């Protein structure tokens, strides 16, 4: 599994502002994982489906092609 911090770094690499990306990522993860289940970003392991879905969402918005077609479908389940 990959961490939320790793995901944030990937999102920032796409050109997003770190603070804005962190706020948005936190909101998405709060919704998916529940606020009470959250850990620090460096310790929060994400399943491949959640990680790839969120990354695919940011990639599409940044105008970049998602890693694979499944990512573009998975993000609909995330939002």
PDB file of N, CA and C in Angstrom:
ATOM      1  N   UNK A   1       0.840  -1.196   0.000  1.00  0.00           N
ATOM      2  CA  UNK A   1       0.000   0.000   0.000  1.00  0.00           C
ATOM      3  C   UNK A   1       0.881   1.254   0.000  1.00  0.00           C
ATOM      4  N   UNK A   2       0.311   2.301  -0.515  1.00  0.00           N
ATOM      5  CA  UNK A   2       1.027   3.569  -0.595  1.00  0.00           C
ATOM      6  C   UNK A   2       0.407   4.551   0.391  1.00  0.00           C
ATOM      7  N   UNK A   3       1.181   5.544   0.790  1.00  0.00           N
ATOM      8  CA  UNK A   3       0.711   6.473   1.819  1.00  0.00           C
ATOM      9  C   UNK A   3       0.051   7.710   1.223  1.00  0.00           C
ATOM     10  N   UNK A   4      -0.716   8.376   2.070  1.00  0.00           N
ATOM     11  CA  UNK A   4      -1.362   9.623   1.664  1.00  0.00           C
ATOM     12  C   UNK A   4      -0.319  10.703   1.392  1.00  0.00           C
ATOM     13  N   UNK A   5       0.786  10.677   2.117  1.00  0.00           N
ATOM     14  CA  UNK A   5       1.851  11.658   1.883  1.00  0.00           C
ATOM     15  C   UNK A   5       2.463  11.455   0.504  1.00  0.00           C
ATOM     16  N   UNK A   6       2.677  10.207   0.116  1.00  0.00           N
ATOM     17  CA  UNK A   6       3.183   9.907  -1.215  1.00  0.00           C
ATOM     18  C   UNK A   6       2.219  10.420  -2.280  1.00  0.00           C
ATOM     19  N   UNK A   7       0.931  10.234  -2.032  1.00  0.00           N
ATOM     20  CA  UNK A   7      -0.093  10.708  -2.967  1.00  0.00           C
ATOM     21  C   UNK A   7      -0.065  12.226  -3.067  1.00  0.00           C
ATOM     22  N   UNK A   8       0.050  12.910  -1.942  1.00  0.00           N
ATOM     23  CA  UNK A   8       0.123  14.378  -1.955  1.00  0.00           C
ATOM     24  C   UNK A   8       1.323  14.834  -2.784  1.00  0.00           C
ATOM     25  N   UNK A   9       2.448  14.192  -2.612  1.00  0.00           N
ATOM     26  CA  UNK A   9       3.642  14.564  -3.378  1.00  0.00           C
ATOM     27  C   UNK A   9       3.433  14.358  -4.878  1.00  0.00           C
ATOM     28  N   UNK A  10       2.768  13.276  -5.262  1.00  0.00           N
ATOM     29  CA  UNK A  10       2.465  13.033  -6.673  1.00  0.00           C
ATOM     30  C   UNK A  10       1.546  14.127  -7.227  1.00  0.00           C
ATOM     31  N   UNK A  11       0.568  14.548  -6.418  1.00  0.00           N
ATOM     32  CA  UNK A  11      -0.362  15.591  -6.843  1.00  0.00           C
ATOM     33  C   UNK A  11       0.372  16.913  -7.019  1.00  0.00           C
ATOM     34  N   UNK A  12       1.257  17.240  -6.094  1.00  0.00           N
ATOM     35  CA  UNK A  12       2.046  18.468  -6.195  1.00  0.00           C
ATOM     36  C   UNK A  12       2.946  18.418  -7.437  1.00  0.00           C
ATOM     37  N   UNK A  13       3.472  17.241  -7.761  1.00  0.00           N
ATOM     38  CA  UNK A  13       4.292  17.086  -8.969  1.00  0.00           C
ATOM     39  C   UNK A  13       3.505  17.391 -10.241  1.00  0.00           C
ATOM     40  N   UNK A  14       2.183  17.287 -10.173  1.00  0.00           N
ATOM     41  CA  UNK A  14       1.339  17.624 -11.324  1.00  0.00           C
ATOM     42  C   UNK A  14       1.181  19.130 -11.504  1.00  0.00           C
ATOM     43  N   UNK A  15       1.678  19.907 -10.525  1.00  0.00           N
ATOM     44  CA  UNK A  15       1.614  21.358 -10.628  1.00  0.00           C
ATOM     45  C   UNK A  15       0.632  22.018  -9.674  1.00  0.00           C
ATOM     46  N   UNK A  16       0.006  21.240  -8.814  1.00  0.00           N
ATOM     47  CA  UNK A  16      -0.944  21.795  -7.854  1.00  0.00           C
ATOM     48  C   UNK A  16      -0.213  22.462  -6.690  1.00  0.00           C
ATOM     49  N   UNK A  17      -0.814  23.504  -6.146  1.00  0.00           N
ATOM     50  CA  UNK A  17      -0.315  24.151  -4.938  1.00  0.00           C
ATOM     51  C   UNK A  17      -0.423  23.161  -3.784  1.00  0.00           C
ATOM     52  N   UNK A  18       0.642  23.011  -3.003  1.00  0.00           N
ATOM     53  CA  UNK A  18       0.669  22.002  -1.952  1.00  0.00           C
ATOM     54  C   UNK A  18      -0.423  22.216  -0.907  1.00  0.00           C
ATOM     55  N   UNK A  19      -0.602  23.432  -0.460  1.00  0.00           N
ATOM     56  CA  UNK A  19      -1.592  23.710   0.588  1.00  0.00           C
ATOM     57  C   UNK A  19      -3.015  23.434   0.089  1.00  0.00           C
ATOM     58  N   UNK A  20      -3.318  23.884  -1.118  1.00  0.00           N
ATOM     59  CA  UNK A  20      -4.655  23.653  -1.679  1.00  0.00           C
ATOM     60  C   UNK A  20      -4.891  22.168  -1.941  1.00  0.00           C
ATOM     61  N   UNK A  21      -3.870  21.488  -2.424  1.00  0.00           N
ATOM     62  CA  UNK A  21      -3.994  20.050  -2.680  1.00  0.00           C
ATOM     63  C   UNK A  21      -4.191  19.285  -1.377  1.00  0.00           C
ATOM     64  N   UNK A  22      -3.477  19.692  -0.329  1.00  0.00           N
ATOM     65  CA  UNK A  22      -3.617  19.043   0.973  1.00  0.00           C
ATOM     66  C   UNK A  22      -5.029  19.194   1.522  1.00  0.00           C
ATOM     67  N   UNK A  23      -5.582  20.386   1.424  1.00  0.00           N
ATOM     68  CA  UNK A  23      -6.946  20.626   1.905  1.00  0.00           C
ATOM     69  C   UNK A  23      -7.936  19.760   1.140  1.00  0.00           C
ATOM     70  N   UNK A  24      -7.800  19.719  -0.159  1.00  0.00           N
ATOM     71  CA  UNK A  24      -8.724  18.926  -0.980  1.00  0.00           C
ATOM     72  C   UNK A  24      -8.553  17.426  -0.734  1.00  0.00           C
ATOM     73  N   UNK A  25      -7.310  16.986  -0.648  1.00  0.00           N
ATOM     74  CA  UNK A  25      -7.041  15.578  -0.375  1.00  0.00           C
ATOM     75  C   UNK A  25      -7.609  15.171   0.985  1.00  0.00           C
ATOM     76  N   UNK A  26      -7.426  16.014   1.983  1.00  0.00           N
ATOM     77  CA  UNK A  26      -7.981  15.731   3.311  1.00  0.00           C
ATOM     78  C   UNK A  26      -9.495  15.582   3.268  1.00  0.00           C
ATOM     79  N   UNK A  27     -10.153  16.449   2.536  1.00  0.00           N
ATOM     80  CA  UNK A  27     -11.613  16.364   2.428  1.00  0.00           C
ATOM     81  C   UNK A  27     -12.044  15.059   1.767  1.00  0.00           C
ATOM     82  N   UNK A  28     -11.348  14.674   0.702  1.00  0.00           N
ATOM     83  CA  UNK A  28     -11.691  13.425   0.014  1.00  0.00           C
ATOM     84  C   UNK A  28     -11.470  12.231   0.934  1.00  0.00           C
ATOM     85  N   UNK A  29     -10.331  12.212   1.629  1.00  0.00           N
ATOM     86  CA  UNK A  29     -10.025  11.088   2.515  1.00  0.00           C
ATOM     87  C   UNK A  29     -10.940  11.055   3.735  1.00  0.00           C
ATOM     88  N   UNK A  30     -11.313  12.224   4.253  1.00  0.00           N
ATOM     89  CA  UNK A  30     -12.285  12.259   5.357  1.00  0.00           C
ATOM     90  C   UNK A  30     -13.582  11.590   4.943  1.00  0.00           C
ATOM     91  N   UNK A  31     -13.995  11.880   3.722  1.00  0.00           N
ATOM     92  CA  UNK A  31     -15.243  11.324   3.209  1.00  0.00           C
ATOM     93  C   UNK A  31     -15.135   9.812   2.981  1.00  0.00           C
ATOM     94  N   UNK A  32     -13.999   9.364   2.418  1.00  0.00           N
ATOM     95  CA  UNK A  32     -13.827   7.947   2.101  1.00  0.00           C
ATOM     96  C   UNK A  32     -13.502   7.096   3.329  1.00  0.00           C
ATOM     97  N   UNK A  33     -12.656   7.622   4.217  1.00  0.00           N
ATOM     98  CA  UNK A  33     -12.170   6.828   5.344  1.00  0.00           C
ATOM     99  C   UNK A  33     -12.869   7.139   6.660  1.00  0.00           C
ATOM    100  N   UNK A  34     -13.519   8.288   6.721  1.00  0.00           N
ATOM    101  CA  UNK A  34     -14.124   8.728   7.973  1.00  0.00           C
ATOM    102  C   UNK A  34     -13.104   9.509   8.786  1.00  0.00           C
ATOM    103  N   UNK A  35     -13.543  10.610   9.353  1.00  0.00           N
ATOM    104  CA  UNK A  35     -12.636  11.488  10.090  1.00  0.00           C
ATOM    105  C   UNK A  35     -11.970  10.763  11.254  1.00  0.00           C
ATOM    106  N   UNK A  36     -12.729   9.948  11.972  1.00  0.00           N
ATOM    107  CA  UNK A  36     -12.188   9.284  13.155  1.00  0.00           C
ATOM    108  C   UNK A  36     -11.162   8.198  12.818  1.00  0.00           C
ATOM    109  N   UNK A  37     -11.114   7.757  11.587  1.00  0.00           N
ATOM    110  CA  UNK A  37     -10.185   6.698  11.182  1.00  0.00           C
ATOM    111  C   UNK A  37      -8.879   7.250  10.609  1.00  0.00           C
ATOM    112  N   UNK A  38      -8.726   8.567  10.587  1.00  0.00           N
ATOM    113  CA  UNK A  38      -7.570   9.171   9.934  1.00  0.00           C
ATOM    114  C   UNK A  38      -6.315   9.099  10.791  1.00  0.00           C
ATOM    115  N   UNK A  39      -5.178   9.002  10.113  1.00  0.00           N
ATOM    116  CA  UNK A  39      -3.855   8.974  10.726  1.00  0.00           C
ATOM    117  C   UNK A  39      -3.038  10.108  10.105  1.00  0.00           C
ATOM    118  N   UNK A  40      -1.839  10.385  10.628  1.00  0.00           N
ATOM    119  CA  UNK A  40      -0.960  11.345   9.945  1.00  0.00           C
ATOM    120  C   UNK A  40      -0.698  10.880   8.512  1.00  0.00           C
ATOM    121  N   UNK A  41      -0.527  11.821   7.603  1.00  0.00           N
ATOM    122  CA  UNK A  41      -0.370  11.489   6.184  1.00  0.00           C
ATOM    123  C   UNK A  41       0.741  10.483   5.925  1.00  0.00           C
ATOM    124  N   UNK A  42       1.832  10.594   6.658  1.00  0.00           N
ATOM    125  CA  UNK A  42       2.958   9.685   6.425  1.00  0.00           C
ATOM    126  C   UNK A  42       2.657   8.260   6.879  1.00  0.00           C
ATOM    127  N   UNK A  43       1.680   8.087   7.762  1.00  0.00           N
ATOM    128  CA  UNK A  43       1.317   6.768   8.289  1.00  0.00           C
ATOM    129  C   UNK A  43       0.041   6.206   7.675  1.00  0.00           C
ATOM    130  N   UNK A  44      -0.673   7.033   6.943  1.00  0.00           N
ATOM    131  CA  UNK A  44      -1.973   6.633   6.413  1.00  0.00           C
ATOM    132  C   UNK A  44      -1.799   5.867   5.103  1.00  0.00           C
ATOM    133  N   UNK A  45      -1.961   4.560   5.178  1.00  0.00           N
ATOM    134  CA  UNK A  45      -1.824   3.725   3.999  1.00  0.00           C
ATOM    135  C   UNK A  45      -3.147   3.677   3.245  1.00  0.00           C
ATOM    136  N   UNK A  46      -3.054   3.816   1.938  1.00  0.00           N
ATOM    137  CA  UNK A  46      -4.236   3.823   1.085  1.00  0.00           C
ATOM    138  C   UNK A  46      -4.228   2.606   0.180  1.00  0.00           C
ATOM    139  N   UNK A  47      -5.398   2.039  -0.027  1.00  0.00           N
ATOM    140  CA  UNK A  47      -5.488   0.926  -0.968  1.00  0.00           C
ATOM    141  C   UNK A  47      -5.165   1.447  -2.366  1.00  0.00           C
ATOM    142  N   UNK A  48      -4.779   0.533  -3.240  1.00  0.00           N
ATOM    143  CA  UNK A  48      -4.461   0.923  -4.612  1.00  0.00           C
ATOM    144  C   UNK A  48      -5.652   1.570  -5.302  1.00  0.00           C
ATOM    145  N   UNK A  49      -6.841   1.092  -5.020  1.00  0.00           N
ATOM    146  CA  UNK A  49      -8.042   1.646  -5.659  1.00  0.00           C
ATOM    147  C   UNK A  49      -8.253   3.103  -5.258  1.00  0.00           C
ATOM    148  N   UNK A  50      -8.145   3.391  -3.966  1.00  0.00           N
ATOM    149  CA  UNK A  50      -8.331   4.773  -3.502  1.00  0.00           C
ATOM    150  C   UNK A  50      -7.201   5.659  -4.016  1.00  0.00           C
ATOM    151  N   UNK A  51      -5.969   5.204  -3.878  1.00  0.00           N
ATOM    152  CA  UNK A  51      -4.797   5.975  -4.317  1.00  0.00           C
ATOM    153  C   UNK A  51      -4.885   6.301  -5.803  1.00  0.00           C
ATOM    154  N   UNK A  52      -5.076   5.266  -6.619  1.00  0.00           N
ATOM    155  CA  UNK A  52      -5.130   5.464  -8.069  1.00  0.00           C
ATOM    156  C   UNK A  52      -6.341   6.290  -8.489  1.00  0.00           C
ATOM    157  N   UNK A  53      -7.455   6.117  -7.804  1.00  0.00           N
ATOM    158  CA  UNK A  53      -8.652   6.882  -8.135  1.00  0.00           C
ATOM    159  C   UNK A  53      -8.482   8.366  -7.887  1.00  0.00           C
ATOM    160  N   UNK A  54      -7.910   8.698  -6.736  1.00  0.00           N
ATOM    161  CA  UNK A  54      -7.697  10.116  -6.408  1.00  0.00           C
ATOM    162  C   UNK A  54      -6.640  10.712  -7.329  1.00  0.00           C
ATOM    163  N   UNK A  55      -5.547   9.988  -7.544  1.00  0.00           N
ATOM    164  CA  UNK A  55      -4.506  10.490  -8.442  1.00  0.00           C
ATOM    165  C   UNK A  55      -5.066  10.684  -9.850  1.00  0.00           C
ATOM    166  N   UNK A  56      -5.876   9.749 -10.316  1.00  0.00           N
ATOM    167  CA  UNK A  56      -6.486   9.871 -11.641  1.00  0.00           C
ATOM    168  C   UNK A  56      -7.370  11.102 -11.757  1.00  0.00           C
ATOM    169  N   UNK A  57      -8.088  11.406 -10.698  1.00  0.00           N
ATOM    170  CA  UNK A  57      -8.934  12.596 -10.684  1.00  0.00           C
ATOM    171  C   UNK A  57      -8.094  13.860 -10.859  1.00  0.00           C
ATOM    172  N   UNK A  58      -7.019  13.973 -10.096  1.00  0.00           N
ATOM    173  CA  UNK A  58      -6.149  15.141 -10.202  1.00  0.00           C
ATOM    174  C   UNK A  58      -5.444  15.187 -11.557  1.00  0.00           C
ATOM    175  N   UNK A  59      -5.064  14.028 -12.079  1.00  0.00           N
ATOM    176  CA  UNK A  59      -4.416  13.992 -13.397  1.00  0.00           C
ATOM    177  C   UNK A  59      -5.356  14.490 -14.486  1.00  0.00           C
ATOM    178  N   UNK A  60      -6.587  14.056 -14.435  1.00  0.00           N
ATOM    179  CA  UNK A  60      -7.557  14.506 -15.442  1.00  0.00           C
ATOM    180  C   UNK A  60      -7.771  16.008 -15.360  1.00  0.00           C
ATOM    181  N   UNK A  61      -7.879  16.522 -14.139  1.00  0.00           N
ATOM    182  CA  UNK A  61      -8.082  17.960 -13.978  1.00  0.00           C
ATOM    183  C   UNK A  61      -6.864  18.758 -14.427  1.00  0.00           C
ATOM    184  N   UNK A  62      -5.690  18.172 -14.289  1.00  0.00           N
ATOM    185  CA  UNK A  62      -4.462  18.849 -14.710  1.00  0.00           C
ATOM    186  C   UNK A  62      -4.240  18.721 -16.213  1.00  0.00           C
ATOM    187  N   UNK A  63      -5.124  17.981 -16.891  1.00  0.00           N
ATOM    188  CA  UNK A  63      -5.001  17.807 -18.331  1.00  0.00           C
ATOM    189  C   UNK A  63      -4.037  16.719 -18.726  1.00  0.00           C
ATOM    190  N   UNK A  64      -3.703  15.854 -17.765  1.00  0.00           N
ATOM    191  CA  UNK A  64      -2.796  14.746 -18.051  1.00  0.00           C
ATOM    192  C   UNK A  64      -3.596  13.465 -18.141  1.00  0.00           C
ATOM    193  N   UNK A  65      -3.137  12.582 -18.985  1.00  0.00           N
ATOM    194  CA  UNK A  65      -3.811  11.300 -19.147  1.00  0.00           C
ATOM    195  C   UNK A  65      -3.586  10.448 -17.897  1.00  0.00           C
ATOM    196  N   UNK A  66      -4.651   9.893 -17.320  1.00  0.00           N
ATOM    197  CA  UNK A  66      -4.467   9.000 -16.177  1.00  0.00           C
ATOM    198  C   UNK A  66      -3.576   7.829 -16.547  1.00  0.00           C
ATOM    199  N   UNK A  67      -2.997   7.205 -15.532  1.00  0.00           N
ATOM    200  CA  UNK A  67      -2.073   6.096 -15.741  1.00  0.00           C
ATOM    201  C   UNK A  67      -2.700   5.012 -16.600  1.00  0.00           C
ATOM    202  N   UNK A  68      -3.939   4.689 -16.354  1.00  0.00           N
ATOM    203  CA  UNK A  68      -4.648   3.729 -17.197  1.00  0.00           C
ATOM    204  C   UNK A  68      -6.136   4.053 -17.189  1.00  0.00           C
ATOM    205  N   UNK A  69      -6.868   3.413 -18.073  1.00  0.00           N
ATOM    206  CA  UNK A  69      -8.292   3.711 -18.218  1.00  0.00           C
ATOM    207  C   UNK A  69      -9.071   3.444 -16.940  1.00  0.00           C
ATOM    208  N   UNK A  70      -8.665   2.431 -16.175  1.00  0.00           N
ATOM    209  CA  UNK A  70      -9.377   2.095 -14.947  1.00  0.00           C
ATOM    210  C   UNK A  70      -9.377   3.269 -13.977  1.00  0.00           C
ATOM    211  N   UNK A  71      -8.303   4.063 -13.951  1.00  0.00           N
ATOM    212  CA  UNK A  71      -8.246   5.206 -13.050  1.00  0.00           C
ATOM    213  C   UNK A  71      -9.376   6.193 -13.319  1.00  0.00           C
ATOM    214  N   UNK A  72      -9.681   6.433 -14.584  1.00  0.00           N
ATOM    215  CA  UNK A  72     -10.713   7.411 -14.899  1.00  0.00           C
ATOM    216  C   UNK A  72     -12.092   6.926 -14.453  1.00  0.00           C
ATOM    217  N   UNK A  73     -12.277   5.616 -14.408  1.00  0.00           N
ATOM    218  CA  UNK A  73     -13.537   5.069 -13.925  1.00  0.00           C
ATOM    219  C   UNK A  73     -13.566   5.065 -12.405  1.00  0.00           C
ATOM    220  N   UNK A  74     -12.465   4.703 -11.774  1.00  0.00           N
ATOM    221  CA  UNK A  74     -12.397   4.594 -10.317  1.00  0.00           C
ATOM    222  C   UNK A  74     -12.660   5.917  -9.622  1.00  0.00           C
ATOM    223  N   UNK A  75     -12.249   7.028 -10.211  1.00  0.00           N
ATOM    224  CA  UNK A  75     -12.398   8.284  -9.500  1.00  0.00           C
ATOM    225  C   UNK A  75     -13.865   8.649  -9.287  1.00  0.00           C
ATOM    226  N   UNK A  76     -14.763   8.138 -10.114  1.00  0.00           N
ATOM    227  CA  UNK A  76     -16.174   8.408  -9.915  1.00  0.00           C
ATOM    228  C   UNK A  76     -16.660   7.801  -8.596  1.00  0.00           C
ATOM    229  N   UNK A  77     -16.089   6.694  -8.202  1.00  0.00           N
ATOM    230  CA  UNK A  77     -16.442   6.073  -6.922  1.00  0.00           C
ATOM    231  C   UNK A  77     -15.851   6.853  -5.767  1.00  0.00           C
ATOM    232  N   UNK A  78     -14.749   7.569  -5.989  1.00  0.00           N
ATOM    233  CA  UNK A  78     -14.109   8.356  -4.938  1.00  0.00           C
ATOM    234  C   UNK A  78     -14.944   9.584  -4.628  1.00  0.00           C
ATOM    235  N   UNK A  79     -15.368  10.308  -5.653  1.00  0.00           N
ATOM    236  CA  UNK A  79     -16.137  11.536  -5.456  1.00  0.00           C
ATOM    237  C   UNK A  79     -17.550  11.139  -5.195  1.00  0.00           C
TER     238      UNK A  79
END
